[in-house]
Protein backbone atom coordinates (compact mmCIF):
# COMPACT_ATOMS: atom_id res chain seq x y z
CA MET A 1 1.46 3.70 -20.27
CA ALA A 2 -2.10 3.60 -18.96
CA LEU A 3 -3.26 0.40 -17.31
CA THR A 4 -6.30 -1.48 -18.57
CA THR A 5 -9.33 -2.11 -16.38
CA THR A 6 -8.22 -5.75 -16.02
CA GLU A 7 -4.74 -4.73 -14.89
CA ILE A 8 -6.12 -2.17 -12.43
CA THR A 9 -8.57 -4.64 -10.92
CA THR A 10 -5.86 -7.30 -10.63
CA LEU A 11 -3.34 -4.97 -8.99
CA GLU A 12 -5.97 -3.62 -6.60
CA ALA A 13 -6.97 -7.19 -5.69
CA PHE A 14 -3.33 -7.97 -4.97
CA ALA A 15 -2.96 -4.85 -2.80
CA ASP A 16 -6.18 -5.78 -0.98
CA THR A 17 -4.77 -9.22 -0.30
CA VAL A 18 -1.66 -7.69 1.25
CA LEU A 19 -3.60 -5.20 3.38
CA PRO A 20 -7.35 -5.87 3.22
CA GLY A 21 -9.94 -3.15 3.32
CA ARG A 22 -13.62 -2.41 3.01
CA LYS A 23 -15.45 -2.62 -0.29
CA ARG A 24 -15.91 0.69 -2.06
CA HIS A 25 -19.28 -0.39 -3.45
CA GLU A 26 -21.45 -3.50 -3.54
CA ASN A 27 -20.02 -4.85 -6.81
CA ASP A 28 -16.36 -4.20 -6.00
CA ARG A 29 -14.42 -7.14 -7.48
CA ALA A 30 -10.97 -6.02 -6.44
CA ILE A 31 -11.60 -5.64 -2.74
CA ALA A 32 -12.69 -8.81 -0.96
CA GLY A 33 -14.22 -6.82 1.89
CA VAL A 34 -12.75 -8.82 4.77
CA SER A 35 -12.14 -5.68 6.82
CA PRO A 36 -14.59 -2.98 7.87
CA LEU A 37 -11.79 -0.40 7.64
CA PRO A 38 -9.98 1.12 4.65
CA GLY A 39 -7.02 -0.89 3.36
CA ALA A 40 -4.20 -0.53 0.86
CA VAL A 41 -6.44 0.22 -2.10
CA GLU A 42 -8.29 3.08 -0.43
CA ALA A 43 -4.95 4.40 0.84
CA GLY A 44 -3.64 4.75 -2.74
CA ALA A 45 -1.76 1.54 -3.55
CA LEU A 46 -2.43 1.78 -7.27
CA THR A 47 -1.00 5.30 -7.38
CA VAL A 48 2.15 4.16 -5.57
CA LEU A 49 2.55 1.09 -7.80
CA GLN A 50 2.40 3.32 -10.89
CA ASP A 51 4.86 5.90 -9.57
CA PRO A 52 8.16 5.92 -11.50
CA ALA A 53 10.01 6.43 -8.20
CA THR A 54 9.28 2.78 -7.33
CA GLY A 55 11.24 1.48 -10.29
CA ILE A 56 8.54 -1.12 -11.01
CA ASP A 57 6.05 1.06 -12.89
CA ASP A 58 7.18 -0.19 -16.32
CA GLY A 59 6.57 -3.82 -15.35
CA ILE A 60 3.38 -3.77 -13.31
CA ALA A 61 1.08 -4.45 -16.29
CA GLU A 62 3.06 -7.61 -17.02
CA MET A 63 2.94 -8.55 -13.34
CA ALA A 64 -0.86 -8.20 -13.41
CA HIS A 65 -1.05 -10.53 -16.42
CA LEU A 66 1.30 -13.01 -14.77
CA LEU A 67 -0.72 -12.86 -11.56
CA ASN A 68 -3.85 -13.75 -13.51
CA GLU A 69 -2.06 -16.69 -15.15
CA HIS A 70 -1.03 -17.94 -11.72
CA ALA A 71 -4.60 -17.41 -10.49
CA ARG A 72 -5.98 -19.65 -13.27
CA GLU A 73 -3.52 -22.39 -12.32
CA HIS A 74 -4.20 -21.94 -8.61
CA ALA A 75 -7.97 -22.07 -9.17
CA ALA A 76 -7.60 -25.33 -11.09
CA ARG A 77 -5.46 -26.80 -8.27
CA ILE A 78 -7.95 -25.91 -5.55
CA GLY A 79 -11.01 -26.75 -7.65
CA VAL A 80 -12.70 -23.37 -8.04
CA GLU A 81 -13.92 -21.62 -11.15
CA VAL A 82 -12.73 -18.18 -12.15
CA GLY A 83 -13.61 -15.96 -15.08
CA ASP A 84 -11.35 -15.29 -18.02
CA ASP A 85 -10.94 -11.54 -17.58
CA VAL A 86 -9.69 -11.08 -13.98
CA PRO A 87 -9.18 -14.53 -12.45
CA PHE A 88 -7.17 -13.26 -9.46
CA ALA A 89 -10.03 -10.97 -8.42
CA ASP A 90 -12.48 -13.87 -8.83
CA LEU A 91 -10.70 -15.85 -6.11
CA ASP A 92 -12.07 -15.43 -2.60
CA TYR A 93 -9.79 -13.84 -0.03
CA GLN A 94 -8.44 -17.12 1.38
CA ALA A 95 -7.58 -18.39 -2.09
CA ARG A 96 -5.88 -15.06 -2.93
CA ARG A 97 -3.87 -15.30 0.28
CA GLY A 98 -2.85 -18.85 -0.55
CA LEU A 99 -1.66 -17.85 -4.00
CA VAL A 100 0.28 -14.84 -2.70
CA ALA A 101 1.90 -17.12 -0.10
CA ASP A 102 2.94 -19.52 -2.89
CA LEU A 103 4.30 -16.68 -5.03
CA SER A 104 6.34 -15.31 -2.14
CA ALA A 105 7.65 -18.66 -0.88
CA PRO A 106 11.44 -18.89 -0.44
CA ASP A 107 11.84 -21.01 -3.58
CA ALA A 108 9.41 -19.05 -5.79
CA ALA A 109 10.92 -17.93 -9.10
CA LEU A 110 9.82 -14.26 -9.06
CA ARG A 111 9.57 -13.91 -5.31
CA ASP A 112 11.40 -10.57 -5.24
CA PHE A 113 8.96 -8.98 -7.68
CA TRP A 114 5.92 -10.10 -5.68
CA PHE A 115 7.58 -8.76 -2.54
CA LEU A 116 8.05 -5.38 -4.27
CA LEU A 117 4.36 -5.28 -5.22
CA ALA A 118 3.46 -6.12 -1.63
CA LEU A 119 5.94 -3.63 -0.17
CA PHE A 120 4.69 -0.71 -2.25
CA SER A 121 1.07 -1.67 -1.60
CA TYR A 122 1.73 -1.58 2.12
CA MET A 123 3.73 1.66 1.89
CA ALA A 124 0.70 3.40 0.38
CA TYR A 125 -1.10 2.63 3.62
CA ASP A 126 1.46 3.16 6.33
CA SER A 127 3.41 6.13 4.97
CA ALA A 128 1.45 7.66 2.04
CA PRO A 129 4.62 8.31 0.00
CA HIS A 130 2.51 9.53 -2.91
CA ARG A 131 1.00 12.39 -0.92
CA ASP A 132 2.20 15.52 0.78
CA THR A 133 2.07 14.52 4.45
CA ALA A 134 0.24 17.60 5.72
CA THR A 135 -2.39 17.27 2.99
CA ALA A 136 -2.76 13.54 3.57
CA ILE A 137 -3.33 14.14 7.28
CA ALA A 138 -5.78 16.98 6.59
CA GLU A 139 -7.72 14.74 4.21
CA GLU A 140 -7.65 11.92 6.79
CA HIS A 141 -5.50 9.39 4.92
CA PRO A 142 -6.66 6.06 6.40
CA GLY A 143 -3.23 4.54 6.97
CA LEU A 144 -1.67 7.60 8.59
CA LEU A 145 -4.70 7.89 10.87
CA ALA A 146 -4.54 4.18 11.74
CA VAL A 147 -0.87 4.32 12.69
CA GLY A 148 -1.49 7.43 14.80
CA PHE A 149 0.60 9.84 12.75
CA ALA A 150 0.53 13.17 14.57
CA ARG A 151 -1.13 16.21 13.06
CA PRO A 152 1.03 19.30 12.47
CA ASP A 153 0.80 22.40 14.69
CA GLU A 154 -1.25 25.40 13.65
CA ASN A 155 1.73 26.63 11.64
CA GLY A 156 1.79 23.40 9.60
CA HIS A 157 5.00 22.08 11.19
CA TRP A 158 5.65 19.03 13.30
CA GLY A 159 7.34 19.71 16.59
CA PHE A 160 7.18 19.03 20.27
CA GLU A 161 6.42 21.43 23.09
CA ARG A 162 8.85 19.62 25.35
CA ALA A 163 11.75 17.24 24.78
CA SER A 164 10.60 13.67 24.25
CA TYR A 165 12.70 12.46 27.19
CA ARG A 166 11.50 15.41 29.30
CA GLN A 167 14.98 16.88 29.17
CA PRO A 168 17.08 18.40 26.42
CA MET A 169 19.34 15.88 24.69
CA ALA A 170 22.24 18.38 24.79
CA ARG A 171 22.89 21.93 25.90
CA LEU A 172 22.36 24.51 23.18
CA HIS A 173 25.41 26.17 21.74
CA PRO A 174 25.63 29.71 23.20
CA ASP A 175 25.41 31.28 19.72
CA THR A 176 22.15 29.50 18.83
CA ASP A 177 19.44 31.98 17.81
CA GLU A 178 15.71 31.77 18.70
CA ASN A 179 15.10 29.66 15.55
CA GLY A 180 17.70 27.06 16.52
CA HIS A 181 20.27 28.21 13.97
CA LEU A 182 23.95 28.95 14.39
CA PRO A 183 25.54 31.94 12.64
């Protein structure tokens, strides 16, 4: 099922609250713009949230609607006005953070679901599970670059010229071939 513009904006605003990033354009409602660097949204959070492998893809539209309901209530509590279409995105970053903190509090009713949204939003940034790693590195995925993920060798593989502890961990079996395989 395709998400509506409202659902997309809401989910991106949530992901941006979890791991803030830079605005994509001047009128970007989803991204609060509290960071000069790319965040979860630019790293692909929406793609990860919609991936069937997460197990939450069928329910994220409903979570977006529920998040907007909570945003209306939160806005009323803190005395700010929000629009009718995407109230969560209308909250400033501090208000979004406050609401996410409330939703993920130990006694919150759907705490586990909000944690899953946050977890998958963060995963898009720090591990790019929705991308082939070599391609993500070649295309300069912002999260992988930020965490210092190593680039592959010229042959497209990851390896090390010397043992990480500057010594082999164990002696090679005498029948090991030049590729590291045993017969």
